[in-house]
Amino acid sequence: MTEGVFHDFNLSVIAKQAEKVLSKYIDEKNLKVKPWDEKICEEFSHVSLDDLLFNDYFLGFMLKKEFVYTGAIDTIYEIWDLYKKGNLKHVVLLWAIGGGKTTVNALLQWLQWYDLVTLAYDFRNTLKLLIRKPICQIQMSKDETKARRVTFESIYPLFQCPFNRDYFPPDPRTRSRIEITRNSTTIFPGTGVAASAQGYDIFGACLDEAATMRVVQDSKYGETSAGKYDTAFDVWNEIDQRVSSRFSDKSGMIVMISQRKSGNEFVENFAKRIESGKIERGYVKKLAFWDCVGWNNKKFFPSGDKIYMNTKNYQIIDNPKEVKELEKRKMENGKNSQYLSTM
């Protein structure tokens, strides 16, 4: 038997049997976990995004549609449509402060995880990966403290939904990350530097407040240009290489989220390259605060009355013909010179 044949046999037969034995052992040790097999996995793989978000069995147990910003939900639907079609890997969201960035970050982390575990019952074999080695999603931020805060305050609660409790509960003994022992998947907070992604099979990642990551002038590393070290670029580059080498075109997403007008050269240029088509399988969404919360949000627009204002000269637009024309156009990415405001 040649070495190559033995390698294929090892992955397809021995490792597969070991996976079943270990999974059965884990299930028996945790009597509260329901059976998970090919048929059940297939059924859950067809759940709609609307149900994943708002059905009480999934994220609807804590995510109520009437309380979620319109811009955030619309963005999730746009992203998920492209992702499920295989047309998305890189996402850049540049939103106003208070626009729901952290919520979107958490939802995308959970949705990517769900898509991975329902890809196939034996998803590691489908992805041609070594058996039982953890498949990870990494949550990055400006530093480890902030990454941990997002991981455990925003993402972890989503893994308490009834679906997770029934089939894939997080290991309560693990305090440093969200670890799903049953299928060896993990979401862990990074330290804010590229080295924290090394040594893992990274399926997907979110870089929260990417544009606030440190930029060092006159650095000996010189990662983005002569004499400049940009942490956001370094982290993105490390993650992108690992995602691409392990999963190729079957990977999750690399999401960079930050406030608008951040001033970070790498993040802004990366967004421009996606918009110009130089980077394929990319998506950019820029939203002003009002676009994030939605114009029908009674919390911010209690009266429901609106006016139009030209933000270049701060003049109210009251010409009926102009107003009628503006009413027909959607506000796209916060780029229009006219914004709605409450009276």
C-alpha atoms as a PDB file:
ATOM      1  CA  MET A   1       0.000   0.000   0.000  1.00  0.00           C
ATOM      2  CA  THR A   2       1.437   3.348  -1.031  1.00  0.00           C
ATOM      3  CA  GLU A   3       1.734   6.261   1.347  1.00  0.00           C
ATOM      4  CA  GLY A   4      -0.908   8.238  -0.534  1.00  0.00           C
ATOM      5  CA  VAL A   5      -3.430   5.402  -0.482  1.00  0.00           C
ATOM      6  CA  PHE A   6      -2.848   4.880   3.230  1.00  0.00           C
ATOM      7  CA  HIS A   7      -3.420   8.579   3.869  1.00  0.00           C
ATOM      8  CA  ASP A   8      -6.780   8.517   2.049  1.00  0.00           C
ATOM      9  CA  PHE A   9      -7.819   5.337   3.824  1.00  0.00           C
ATOM     10  CA  ASN A  10      -6.882   6.840   7.186  1.00  0.00           C
ATOM     11  CA  LEU A  11      -9.075   9.899   6.684  1.00  0.00           C
ATOM     12  CA  SER A  12     -12.080   8.246   5.062  1.00  0.00           C
ATOM     13  CA  VAL A  13     -12.373   5.078   7.165  1.00  0.00           C
ATOM     14  CA  ILE A  14     -10.444   5.029  10.419  1.00  0.00           C
ATOM     15  CA  ALA A  15     -10.982   8.683  11.284  1.00  0.00           C
ATOM     16  CA  LYS A  16     -14.655   8.535  10.382  1.00  0.00           C
ATOM     17  CA  GLN A  17     -15.214   5.583  12.695  1.00  0.00           C
ATOM     18  CA  ALA A  18     -13.303   7.331  15.469  1.00  0.00           C
ATOM     19  CA  GLU A  19     -15.538  10.368  15.023  1.00  0.00           C
ATOM     20  CA  LYS A  20     -18.680   8.288  15.528  1.00  0.00           C
ATOM     21  CA  VAL A  21     -17.294   6.509  18.591  1.00  0.00           C
ATOM     22  CA  LEU A  22     -16.208   9.780  20.221  1.00  0.00           C
ATOM     23  CA  SER A  23     -19.477  11.542  19.395  1.00  0.00           C
ATOM     24  CA  LYS A  24     -21.468   8.656  20.876  1.00  0.00           C
ATOM     25  CA  TYR A  25     -19.339   8.786  24.031  1.00  0.00           C
ATOM     26  CA  ILE A  26     -19.852  12.526  24.428  1.00  0.00           C
ATOM     27  CA  ASP A  27     -23.613  12.148  23.888  1.00  0.00           C
ATOM     28  CA  GLU A  28     -23.850   9.407  26.496  1.00  0.00           C
ATOM     29  CA  LYS A  29     -21.915  11.446  29.047  1.00  0.00           C
ATOM     30  CA  ASN A  30     -24.232  14.388  28.532  1.00  0.00           C
ATOM     31  CA  LEU A  31     -27.740  12.919  28.757  1.00  0.00           C
ATOM     32  CA  LYS A  32     -29.403  16.256  28.101  1.00  0.00           C
ATOM     33  CA  VAL A  33     -28.116  16.430  24.530  1.00  0.00           C
ATOM     34  CA  LYS A  34     -30.507  15.139  21.893  1.00  0.00           C
ATOM     35  CA  PRO A  35     -29.355  12.728  19.154  1.00  0.00           C
ATOM     36  CA  TRP A  36     -27.752  14.318  16.103  1.00  0.00           C
ATOM     37  CA  ASP A  37     -27.507  12.315  12.893  1.00  0.00           C
ATOM     38  CA  GLU A  38     -27.559  12.710   9.116  1.00  0.00           C
ATOM     39  CA  LYS A  39     -31.335  13.049   8.912  1.00  0.00           C
ATOM     40  CA  ILE A  40     -31.607  15.623  11.688  1.00  0.00           C
ATOM     41  CA  CYS A  41     -28.683  17.618  10.261  1.00  0.00           C
ATOM     42  CA  GLU A  42     -30.346  17.649   6.845  1.00  0.00           C
ATOM     43  CA  GLU A  43     -33.601  18.957   8.323  1.00  0.00           C
ATOM     44  CA  PHE A  44     -31.887  21.811  10.157  1.00  0.00           C
ATOM     45  CA  SER A  45     -29.852  22.767   7.088  1.00  0.00           C
ATOM     46  CA  HIS A  46     -33.042  24.052   5.422  1.00  0.00           C
ATOM     47  CA  VAL A  47     -34.130  26.458   8.163  1.00  0.00           C
ATOM     48  CA  SER A  48     -34.725  29.930   6.702  1.00  0.00           C
ATOM     49  CA  LEU A  49     -32.825  32.994   7.850  1.00  0.00           C
ATOM     50  CA  ASP A  50     -36.078  34.520   9.052  1.00  0.00           C
ATOM     51  CA  ASP A  51     -36.603  31.564  11.380  1.00  0.00           C
ATOM     52  CA  LEU A  52     -32.985  31.529  12.516  1.00  0.00           C
ATOM     53  CA  LEU A  53     -33.273  35.153  13.556  1.00  0.00           C
ATOM     54  CA  PHE A  54     -36.800  35.403  14.908  1.00  0.00           C
ATOM     55  CA  ASN A  55     -38.111  31.929  15.737  1.00  0.00           C
ATOM     56  CA  ASP A  56     -38.017  31.402  19.506  1.00  0.00           C
ATOM     57  CA  TYR A  57     -36.289  28.040  19.057  1.00  0.00           C
ATOM     58  CA  PHE A  58     -33.302  29.817  17.542  1.00  0.00           C
ATOM     59  CA  LEU A  59     -32.277  33.436  18.138  1.00  0.00           C
ATOM     60  CA  GLY A  60     -35.818  34.723  18.490  1.00  0.00           C
ATOM     61  CA  PHE A  61     -35.760  33.734  22.167  1.00  0.00           C
ATOM     62  CA  MET A  62     -33.833  36.963  22.785  1.00  0.00           C
ATOM     63  CA  LEU A  63     -33.921  38.808  19.448  1.00  0.00           C
ATOM     64  CA  LYS A  64     -37.250  40.547  18.971  1.00  0.00           C
ATOM     65  CA  LYS A  65     -37.867  41.929  15.516  1.00  0.00           C
ATOM     66  CA  GLU A  66     -39.476  45.141  16.706  1.00  0.00           C
ATOM     67  CA  PHE A  67     -36.411  46.032  18.788  1.00  0.00           C
ATOM     68  CA  VAL A  68     -33.736  45.423  16.166  1.00  0.00           C
ATOM     69  CA  TYR A  69     -32.551  48.305  14.027  1.00  0.00           C
ATOM     70  CA  THR A  70     -33.871  48.138  10.480  1.00  0.00           C
ATOM     71  CA  GLY A  71     -30.467  48.850   8.939  1.00  0.00           C
ATOM     72  CA  ALA A  72     -28.870  46.011  10.903  1.00  0.00           C
ATOM     73  CA  ILE A  73     -31.461  43.433   9.860  1.00  0.00           C
ATOM     74  CA  ASP A  74     -31.494  44.542   6.229  1.00  0.00           C
ATOM     75  CA  THR A  75     -27.704  44.215   6.163  1.00  0.00           C
ATOM     76  CA  ILE A  76     -27.839  40.707   7.669  1.00  0.00           C
ATOM     77  CA  TYR A  77     -30.264  39.602   4.950  1.00  0.00           C
ATOM     78  CA  GLU A  78     -28.113  41.071   2.185  1.00  0.00           C
ATOM     79  CA  ILE A  79     -24.951  39.472   3.544  1.00  0.00           C
ATOM     80  CA  TRP A  80     -26.550  36.080   4.111  1.00  0.00           C
ATOM     81  CA  ASP A  81     -28.022  35.952   0.617  1.00  0.00           C
ATOM     82  CA  LEU A  82     -24.598  36.501  -0.943  1.00  0.00           C
ATOM     83  CA  TYR A  83     -22.874  34.144   1.494  1.00  0.00           C
ATOM     84  CA  LYS A  84     -25.243  31.228   0.903  1.00  0.00           C
ATOM     85  CA  LYS A  85     -24.746  31.626  -2.841  1.00  0.00           C
ATOM     86  CA  GLY A  86     -20.982  31.316  -2.368  1.00  0.00           C
ATOM     87  CA  ASN A  87     -20.390  34.894  -3.474  1.00  0.00           C
ATOM     88  CA  LEU A  88     -19.042  36.351  -0.256  1.00  0.00           C
ATOM     89  CA  LYS A  89     -15.881  36.152   1.816  1.00  0.00           C
ATOM     90  CA  HIS A  90     -14.856  39.722   2.730  1.00  0.00           C
ATOM     91  CA  VAL A  91     -17.273  42.090   4.489  1.00  0.00           C
ATOM     92  CA  VAL A  92     -16.607  45.690   5.516  1.00  0.00           C
ATOM     93  CA  LEU A  93     -19.225  47.532   7.553  1.00  0.00           C
ATOM     94  CA  LEU A  94     -18.583  51.214   8.231  1.00  0.00           C
ATOM     95  CA  TRP A  95     -21.379  52.454  10.454  1.00  0.00           C
ATOM     96  CA  ALA A  96     -22.104  55.320  12.766  1.00  0.00           C
ATOM     97  CA  ILE A  97     -21.565  54.945  16.509  1.00  0.00           C
ATOM     98  CA  GLY A  98     -24.615  53.371  18.142  1.00  0.00           C
ATOM     99  CA  GLY A  99     -25.833  51.859  14.873  1.00  0.00           C
ATOM    100  CA  GLY A 100     -25.841  48.219  15.993  1.00  0.00           C
ATOM    101  CA  LYS A 101     -22.385  47.111  14.845  1.00  0.00           C
ATOM    102  CA  THR A 102     -21.788  44.805  17.816  1.00  0.00           C
ATOM    103  CA  THR A 103     -25.194  43.176  17.360  1.00  0.00           C
ATOM    104  CA  VAL A 104     -24.462  42.442  13.701  1.00  0.00           C
ATOM    105  CA  ASN A 105     -21.010  41.143  14.700  1.00  0.00           C
ATOM    106  CA  ALA A 106     -22.573  38.661  17.147  1.00  0.00           C
ATOM    107  CA  LEU A 107     -25.284  37.526  14.736  1.00  0.00           C
ATOM    108  CA  LEU A 108     -22.791  36.866  11.942  1.00  0.00           C
ATOM    109  CA  GLN A 109     -20.590  34.816  14.265  1.00  0.00           C
ATOM    110  CA  TRP A 110     -23.497  32.601  15.330  1.00  0.00           C
ATOM    111  CA  LEU A 111     -24.916  32.296  11.796  1.00  0.00           C
ATOM    112  CA  GLN A 112     -21.537  31.233  10.390  1.00  0.00           C
ATOM    113  CA  TRP A 113     -21.218  28.630  13.118  1.00  0.00           C
ATOM    114  CA  TYR A 114     -24.726  27.303  12.428  1.00  0.00           C
ATOM    115  CA  ASP A 115     -24.042  27.101   8.708  1.00  0.00           C
ATOM    116  CA  LEU A 116     -20.854  25.129   9.390  1.00  0.00           C
ATOM    117  CA  VAL A 117     -22.441  22.528  11.676  1.00  0.00           C
ATOM    118  CA  THR A 118     -25.427  21.993   9.365  1.00  0.00           C
ATOM    119  CA  LEU A 119     -23.276  21.807   6.223  1.00  0.00           C
ATOM    120  CA  ALA A 120     -23.199  18.025   6.661  1.00  0.00           C
ATOM    121  CA  TYR A 121     -23.317  15.575   9.525  1.00  0.00           C
ATOM    122  CA  ASP A 122     -19.678  14.747   8.852  1.00  0.00           C
ATOM    123  CA  PHE A 123     -18.731  18.296   7.876  1.00  0.00           C
ATOM    124  CA  ARG A 124     -15.026  17.720   8.474  1.00  0.00           C
ATOM    125  CA  ASN A 125     -14.965  15.022   5.835  1.00  0.00           C
ATOM    126  CA  THR A 126     -16.898  17.327   3.481  1.00  0.00           C
ATOM    127  CA  LEU A 127     -14.283  20.034   4.055  1.00  0.00           C
ATOM    128  CA  LYS A 128     -11.407  17.492   3.871  1.00  0.00           C
ATOM    129  CA  LEU A 129     -10.093  18.338   7.329  1.00  0.00           C
ATOM    130  CA  LEU A 130      -8.360  16.240   9.965  1.00  0.00           C
ATOM    131  CA  ILE A 131     -10.722  14.573  12.362  1.00  0.00           C
ATOM    132  CA  ARG A 132     -11.556  16.244  15.701  1.00  0.00           C
ATOM    133  CA  LYS A 133      -9.105  19.102  15.334  1.00  0.00           C
ATOM    134  CA  PRO A 134     -11.088  22.156  16.476  1.00  0.00           C
ATOM    135  CA  ILE A 135     -12.524  24.407  13.806  1.00  0.00           C
ATOM    136  CA  CYS A 136     -12.401  27.943  15.104  1.00  0.00           C
ATOM    137  CA  GLN A 137     -13.934  31.327  14.591  1.00  0.00           C
ATOM    138  CA  ILE A 138     -11.987  34.206  16.023  1.00  0.00           C
ATOM    139  CA  GLN A 139     -13.348  37.416  17.499  1.00  0.00           C
ATOM    140  CA  MET A 140     -10.861  40.259  17.276  1.00  0.00           C
ATOM    141  CA  SER A 141     -10.996  43.781  18.616  1.00  0.00           C
ATOM    142  CA  LYS A 142      -8.626  46.566  19.576  1.00  0.00           C
ATOM    143  CA  ASP A 143      -7.291  44.472  22.459  1.00  0.00           C
ATOM    144  CA  GLU A 144      -8.004  41.220  24.269  1.00  0.00           C
ATOM    145  CA  THR A 145     -10.221  42.824  26.914  1.00  0.00           C
ATOM    146  CA  LYS A 146     -12.603  44.248  24.330  1.00  0.00           C
ATOM    147  CA  ALA A 147     -12.557  41.030  22.297  1.00  0.00           C
ATOM    148  CA  ARG A 148     -13.512  39.039  25.397  1.00  0.00           C
ATOM    149  CA  ARG A 149     -16.287  41.503  26.180  1.00  0.00           C
ATOM    150  CA  VAL A 150     -17.839  41.076  22.730  1.00  0.00           C
ATOM    151  CA  THR A 151     -17.389  37.282  22.867  1.00  0.00           C
ATOM    152  CA  PHE A 152     -19.026  36.744  26.244  1.00  0.00           C
ATOM    153  CA  GLU A 153     -21.478  39.647  26.451  1.00  0.00           C
ATOM    154  CA  SER A 154     -22.796  39.609  22.876  1.00  0.00           C
ATOM    155  CA  ILE A 155     -21.989  36.260  21.227  1.00  0.00           C
ATOM    156  CA  TYR A 156     -22.182  33.782  24.115  1.00  0.00           C
ATOM    157  CA  PRO A 157     -25.847  34.562  24.972  1.00  0.00           C
ATOM    158  CA  LEU A 158     -26.832  33.504  21.434  1.00  0.00           C
ATOM    159  CA  PHE A 159     -25.420  30.046  22.170  1.00  0.00           C
ATOM    160  CA  GLN A 160     -27.957  29.705  24.986  1.00  0.00           C
ATOM    161  CA  CYS A 161     -30.818  29.416  22.514  1.00  0.00           C
ATOM    162  CA  PRO A 162     -33.005  26.278  22.672  1.00  0.00           C
ATOM    163  CA  PHE A 163     -31.352  24.801  19.576  1.00  0.00           C
ATOM    164  CA  ASN A 164     -27.919  24.970  21.181  1.00  0.00           C
ATOM    165  CA  ARG A 165     -29.213  23.676  24.488  1.00  0.00           C
ATOM    166  CA  ASP A 166     -30.769  20.681  22.728  1.00  0.00           C
ATOM    167  CA  TYR A 167     -27.919  19.771  20.403  1.00  0.00           C
ATOM    168  CA  PHE A 168     -24.749  21.818  20.867  1.00  0.00           C
ATOM    169  CA  PRO A 169     -24.474  23.422  24.310  1.00  0.00           C
ATOM    170  CA  PRO A 170     -21.250  25.311  25.114  1.00  0.00           C
ATOM    171  CA  ASP A 171     -18.959  23.543  27.559  1.00  0.00           C
ATOM    172  CA  PRO A 172     -19.651  25.250  30.920  1.00  0.00           C
ATOM    173  CA  ARG A 173     -16.197  24.265  32.173  1.00  0.00           C
ATOM    174  CA  THR A 174     -14.473  26.411  29.561  1.00  0.00           C
ATOM    175  CA  ARG A 175     -14.130  30.050  30.567  1.00  0.00           C
ATOM    176  CA  SER A 176     -11.698  31.417  27.989  1.00  0.00           C
ATOM    177  CA  ARG A 177     -13.756  30.725  24.851  1.00  0.00           C
ATOM    178  CA  ILE A 178     -17.070  29.379  23.585  1.00  0.00           C
ATOM    179  CA  GLU A 179     -16.323  25.698  23.111  1.00  0.00           C
ATOM    180  CA  ILE A 180     -18.810  23.238  21.632  1.00  0.00           C
ATOM    181  CA  THR A 181     -17.342  19.912  22.753  1.00  0.00           C
ATOM    182  CA  ARG A 182     -19.768  17.746  20.835  1.00  0.00           C
ATOM    183  CA  ASN A 183     -18.374  18.720  17.436  1.00  0.00           C
ATOM    184  CA  SER A 184     -15.117  20.443  18.393  1.00  0.00           C
ATOM    185  CA  THR A 185     -16.026  23.927  17.211  1.00  0.00           C
ATOM    186  CA  THR A 186     -14.841  27.031  19.021  1.00  0.00           C
ATOM    187  CA  ILE A 187     -15.335  30.786  19.030  1.00  0.00           C
ATOM    188  CA  PHE A 188     -12.519  32.481  20.888  1.00  0.00           C
ATOM    189  CA  PRO A 189     -11.417  36.070  21.554  1.00  0.00           C
ATOM    190  CA  GLY A 190      -8.133  37.137  20.007  1.00  0.00           C
ATOM    191  CA  THR A 191      -5.529  39.245  21.731  1.00  0.00           C
ATOM    192  CA  GLY A 192      -5.591  42.089  19.239  1.00  0.00           C
ATOM    193  CA  VAL A 193      -2.447  40.950  17.413  1.00  0.00           C
ATOM    194  CA  ALA A 194      -1.984  38.664  14.422  1.00  0.00           C
ATOM    195  CA  ALA A 195      -0.174  35.984  16.427  1.00  0.00           C
ATOM    196  CA  SER A 196      -3.404  35.053  18.224  1.00  0.00           C
ATOM    197  CA  ALA A 197      -4.690  33.487  14.985  1.00  0.00           C
ATOM    198  CA  GLN A 198      -1.670  31.255  14.505  1.00  0.00           C
ATOM    199  CA  GLY A 199      -1.972  27.509  14.945  1.00  0.00           C
ATOM    200  CA  TYR A 200      -5.739  27.280  14.398  1.00  0.00           C
ATOM    201  CA  ASP A 201      -8.026  26.132  11.610  1.00  0.00           C
ATOM    202  CA  ILE A 202      -9.845  29.457  11.228  1.00  0.00           C
ATOM    203  CA  PHE A 203     -13.207  29.126   9.491  1.00  0.00           C
ATOM    204  CA  GLY A 204     -14.307  32.742   9.861  1.00  0.00           C
ATOM    205  CA  ALA A 205     -13.577  35.910  11.804  1.00  0.00           C
ATOM    206  CA  CYS A 206     -14.937  39.269  12.898  1.00  0.00           C
ATOM    207  CA  LEU A 207     -12.700  42.273  13.522  1.00  0.00           C
ATOM    208  CA  ASP A 208     -14.729  44.636  15.693  1.00  0.00           C
ATOM    209  CA  GLU A 209     -13.633  48.296  15.605  1.00  0.00           C
ATOM    210  CA  ALA A 210     -10.985  47.323  13.074  1.00  0.00           C
ATOM    211  CA  ALA A 211     -10.153  50.916  12.241  1.00  0.00           C
ATOM    212  CA  THR A 212      -9.184  51.670  15.849  1.00  0.00           C
ATOM    213  CA  MET A 213      -6.470  49.018  15.877  1.00  0.00           C
ATOM    214  CA  ARG A 214      -3.034  50.438  16.438  1.00  0.00           C
ATOM    215  CA  VAL A 215      -1.019  52.030  13.648  1.00  0.00           C
ATOM    216  CA  VAL A 216       2.661  52.593  14.430  1.00  0.00           C
ATOM    217  CA  GLN A 217       4.590  55.111  12.377  1.00  0.00           C
ATOM    218  CA  ASP A 218       8.295  54.502  11.740  1.00  0.00           C
ATOM    219  CA  SER A 219       7.944  50.856  12.721  1.00  0.00           C
ATOM    220  CA  LYS A 220      10.607  48.318  11.855  1.00  0.00           C
ATOM    221  CA  TYR A 221       7.846  45.905  10.788  1.00  0.00           C
ATOM    222  CA  GLY A 222       6.599  48.135   7.969  1.00  0.00           C
ATOM    223  CA  GLU A 223       3.616  45.936   7.144  1.00  0.00           C
ATOM    224  CA  THR A 224       1.509  48.248   4.973  1.00  0.00           C
ATOM    225  CA  SER A 225       3.978  50.745   3.634  1.00  0.00           C
ATOM    226  CA  ALA A 226       7.514  51.896   4.269  1.00  0.00           C
ATOM    227  CA  GLY A 227       7.996  52.480   7.973  1.00  0.00           C
ATOM    228  CA  LYS A 228       4.357  51.940   8.996  1.00  0.00           C
ATOM    229  CA  TYR A 229       2.879  49.026  10.928  1.00  0.00           C
ATOM    230  CA  ASP A 230      -0.912  48.677  10.748  1.00  0.00           C
ATOM    231  CA  THR A 231      -2.337  46.110  13.176  1.00  0.00           C
ATOM    232  CA  ALA A 232      -5.618  45.820  11.248  1.00  0.00           C
ATOM    233  CA  PHE A 233      -3.749  44.845   8.084  1.00  0.00           C
ATOM    234  CA  ASP A 234      -1.499  42.431   9.944  1.00  0.00           C
ATOM    235  CA  VAL A 235      -4.449  40.704  11.657  1.00  0.00           C
ATOM    236  CA  TRP A 236      -6.537  40.566   8.481  1.00  0.00           C
ATOM    237  CA  ASN A 237      -3.607  39.213   6.471  1.00  0.00           C
ATOM    238  CA  GLU A 238      -2.864  36.430   8.979  1.00  0.00           C
ATOM    239  CA  ILE A 239      -6.505  35.380   9.199  1.00  0.00           C
ATOM    240  CA  ASP A 240      -7.061  35.557   5.442  1.00  0.00           C
ATOM    241  CA  GLN A 241      -4.099  33.277   4.765  1.00  0.00           C
ATOM    242  CA  ARG A 242      -5.292  30.705   7.289  1.00  0.00           C
ATOM    243  CA  VAL A 243      -8.904  30.789   6.126  1.00  0.00           C
ATOM    244  CA  SER A 244      -7.873  30.448   2.476  1.00  0.00           C
ATOM    245  CA  SER A 245      -5.339  27.661   3.018  1.00  0.00           C
ATOM    246  CA  ARG A 246      -7.689  25.522   5.148  1.00  0.00           C
ATOM    247  CA  PHE A 247     -11.061  26.099   3.517  1.00  0.00           C
ATOM    248  CA  SER A 248     -10.477  27.673   0.097  1.00  0.00           C
ATOM    249  CA  ASP A 249     -13.857  28.753  -1.328  1.00  0.00           C
ATOM    250  CA  LYS A 250     -15.851  26.896   1.359  1.00  0.00           C
ATOM    251  CA  SER A 251     -14.807  29.201   4.166  1.00  0.00           C
ATOM    252  CA  GLY A 252     -16.813  31.474   6.377  1.00  0.00           C
ATOM    253  CA  MET A 253     -16.502  35.249   6.224  1.00  0.00           C
ATOM    254  CA  ILE A 254     -13.863  37.715   7.356  1.00  0.00           C
ATOM    255  CA  VAL A 255     -15.846  40.687   8.636  1.00  0.00           C
ATOM    256  CA  MET A 256     -14.319  44.067   9.458  1.00  0.00           C
ATOM    257  CA  ILE A 257     -16.605  46.401  11.382  1.00  0.00           C
ATOM    258  CA  SER A 258     -15.864  49.969  12.370  1.00  0.00           C
ATOM    259  CA  GLN A 259     -17.289  53.441  12.595  1.00  0.00           C
ATOM    260  CA  ARG A 260     -17.512  55.653   9.540  1.00  0.00           C
ATOM    261  CA  LYS A 261     -14.799  58.199   8.755  1.00  0.00           C
ATOM    262  CA  SER A 262     -12.353  56.210  10.826  1.00  0.00           C
ATOM    263  CA  GLY A 263      -9.256  57.532   9.135  1.00  0.00           C
ATOM    264  CA  ASN A 264      -7.640  54.087   9.026  1.00  0.00           C
ATOM    265  CA  GLU A 265      -5.824  53.820   5.719  1.00  0.00           C
ATOM    266  CA  PHE A 266      -6.041  50.046   5.359  1.00  0.00           C
ATOM    267  CA  VAL A 267      -9.722  49.636   6.258  1.00  0.00           C
ATOM    268  CA  GLU A 268     -10.870  52.502   4.044  1.00  0.00           C
ATOM    269  CA  ASN A 269      -8.692  51.423   1.106  1.00  0.00           C
ATOM    270  CA  PHE A 270      -9.871  47.842   1.476  1.00  0.00           C
ATOM    271  CA  ALA A 271     -13.482  49.026   1.268  1.00  0.00           C
ATOM    272  CA  LYS A 272     -12.674  51.048  -1.854  1.00  0.00           C
ATOM    273  CA  ARG A 273     -11.023  48.040  -3.489  1.00  0.00           C
ATOM    274  CA  ILE A 274     -14.151  45.968  -2.907  1.00  0.00           C
ATOM    275  CA  GLU A 275     -16.373  48.730  -4.271  1.00  0.00           C
ATOM    276  CA  SER A 276     -14.200  49.054  -7.375  1.00  0.00           C
ATOM    277  CA  GLY A 277     -14.287  45.306  -8.017  1.00  0.00           C
ATOM    278  CA  LYS A 278     -10.574  44.753  -7.378  1.00  0.00           C
ATOM    279  CA  ILE A 279     -11.438  42.332  -4.572  1.00  0.00           C
ATOM    280  CA  GLU A 280     -13.910  39.608  -5.512  1.00  0.00           C
ATOM    281  CA  ARG A 281     -16.549  38.094  -3.230  1.00  0.00           C
ATOM    282  CA  GLY A 282     -16.690  41.287  -1.201  1.00  0.00           C
ATOM    283  CA  TYR A 283     -19.407  43.423   0.353  1.00  0.00           C
ATOM    284  CA  VAL A 284     -19.307  46.972   1.733  1.00  0.00           C
ATOM    285  CA  LYS A 285     -22.049  48.774   3.618  1.00  0.00           C
ATOM    286  CA  LYS A 286     -21.727  52.350   4.872  1.00  0.00           C
ATOM    287  CA  LEU A 287     -24.552  53.647   7.011  1.00  0.00           C
ATOM    288  CA  ALA A 288     -25.252  56.875   8.821  1.00  0.00           C
ATOM    289  CA  PHE A 289     -26.906  56.536  12.223  1.00  0.00           C
ATOM    290  CA  TRP A 290     -30.385  57.288  10.884  1.00  0.00           C
ATOM    291  CA  ASP A 291     -30.018  54.644   8.182  1.00  0.00           C
ATOM    292  CA  CYS A 292     -29.010  52.116  10.848  1.00  0.00           C
ATOM    293  CA  VAL A 293     -31.959  52.654  13.171  1.00  0.00           C
ATOM    294  CA  GLY A 294     -34.513  53.004  10.388  1.00  0.00           C
ATOM    295  CA  TRP A 295     -36.760  55.921   9.599  1.00  0.00           C
ATOM    296  CA  ASN A 296     -39.831  54.252  11.112  1.00  0.00           C
ATOM    297  CA  ASN A 297     -38.164  53.708  14.491  1.00  0.00           C
ATOM    298  CA  LYS A 298     -40.570  55.261  17.018  1.00  0.00           C
ATOM    299  CA  LYS A 299     -37.843  55.509  19.654  1.00  0.00           C
ATOM    300  CA  PHE A 300     -35.955  58.063  17.559  1.00  0.00           C
ATOM    301  CA  PHE A 301     -38.866  59.400  15.503  1.00  0.00           C
ATOM    302  CA  PRO A 302     -41.778  59.341  17.991  1.00  0.00           C
ATOM    303  CA  SER A 303     -44.012  61.707  16.033  1.00  0.00           C
ATOM    304  CA  GLY A 304     -43.537  59.957  12.722  1.00  0.00           C
ATOM    305  CA  ASP A 305     -43.303  63.366  11.018  1.00  0.00           C
ATOM    306  CA  LYS A 306     -40.309  64.016   8.799  1.00  0.00           C
ATOM    307  CA  ILE A 307     -38.579  66.796   7.000  1.00  0.00           C
ATOM    308  CA  TYR A 308     -35.846  66.818   4.383  1.00  0.00           C
ATOM    309  CA  MET A 309     -32.652  68.749   4.941  1.00  0.00           C
ATOM    310  CA  ASN A 310     -29.712  69.335   2.628  1.00  0.00           C
ATOM    311  CA  THR A 311     -26.703  68.533   4.805  1.00  0.00           C
ATOM    312  CA  LYS A 312     -24.383  70.595   2.617  1.00  0.00           C
ATOM    313  CA  ASN A 313     -26.046  73.925   3.285  1.00  0.00           C
ATOM    314  CA  TYR A 314     -28.402  72.899   6.147  1.00  0.00           C
ATOM    315  CA  GLN A 315     -31.421  74.248   4.294  1.00  0.00           C
ATOM    316  CA  ILE A 316     -34.809  72.570   4.700  1.00  0.00           C
ATOM    317  CA  ILE A 317     -36.154  71.237   1.411  1.00  0.00           C
ATOM    318  CA  ASP A 318     -39.824  72.181   1.238  1.00  0.00           C
ATOM    319  CA  ASN A 319     -40.413  72.332  -2.506  1.00  0.00           C
ATOM    320  CA  PRO A 320     -43.232  69.769  -3.057  1.00  0.00           C
ATOM    321  CA  LYS A 321     -41.731  68.582  -6.342  1.00  0.00           C
ATOM    322  CA  GLU A 322     -38.309  68.003  -4.798  1.00  0.00           C
ATOM    323  CA  VAL A 323     -39.792  66.283  -1.753  1.00  0.00           C
ATOM    324  CA  LYS A 324     -41.870  63.972  -3.954  1.00  0.00           C
ATOM    325  CA  GLU A 325     -38.776  63.016  -5.916  1.00  0.00           C
ATOM    326  CA  LEU A 326     -36.812  62.364  -2.731  1.00  0.00           C
ATOM    327  CA  GLU A 327     -39.617  60.194  -1.364  1.00  0.00           C
ATOM    328  CA  LYS A 328     -39.213  57.899  -4.360  1.00  0.00           C
ATOM    329  CA  ARG A 329     -35.532  57.350  -3.796  1.00  0.00           C
ATOM    330  CA  LYS A 330     -34.105  55.125  -1.131  1.00  0.00           C
ATOM    331  CA  MET A 331     -31.339  56.415   1.051  1.00  0.00           C
ATOM    332  CA  GLU A 332     -28.331  54.410  -0.064  1.00  0.00           C
ATOM    333  CA  ASN A 333     -25.330  53.945   2.229  1.00  0.00           C
ATOM    334  CA  GLY A 334     -25.631  57.402   3.757  1.00  0.00           C
ATOM    335  CA  LYS A 335     -24.191  59.036   0.633  1.00  0.00           C
ATOM    336  CA  ASN A 336     -27.169  61.244  -0.253  1.00  0.00           C
ATOM    337  CA  SER A 337     -26.814  64.935   0.480  1.00  0.00           C
ATOM    338  CA  GLN A 338     -30.368  65.003   1.885  1.00  0.00           C
ATOM    339  CA  TYR A 339     -31.205  63.264   5.156  1.00  0.00           C
ATOM    340  CA  LEU A 340     -34.477  62.721   6.919  1.00  0.00           C
ATOM    341  CA  SER A 341     -35.020  64.245  10.324  1.00  0.00           C
ATOM    342  CA  THR A 342     -37.879  64.411  12.769  1.00  0.00           C
ATOM    343  CA  MET A 343     -39.756  67.610  13.151  1.00  0.00           C
END
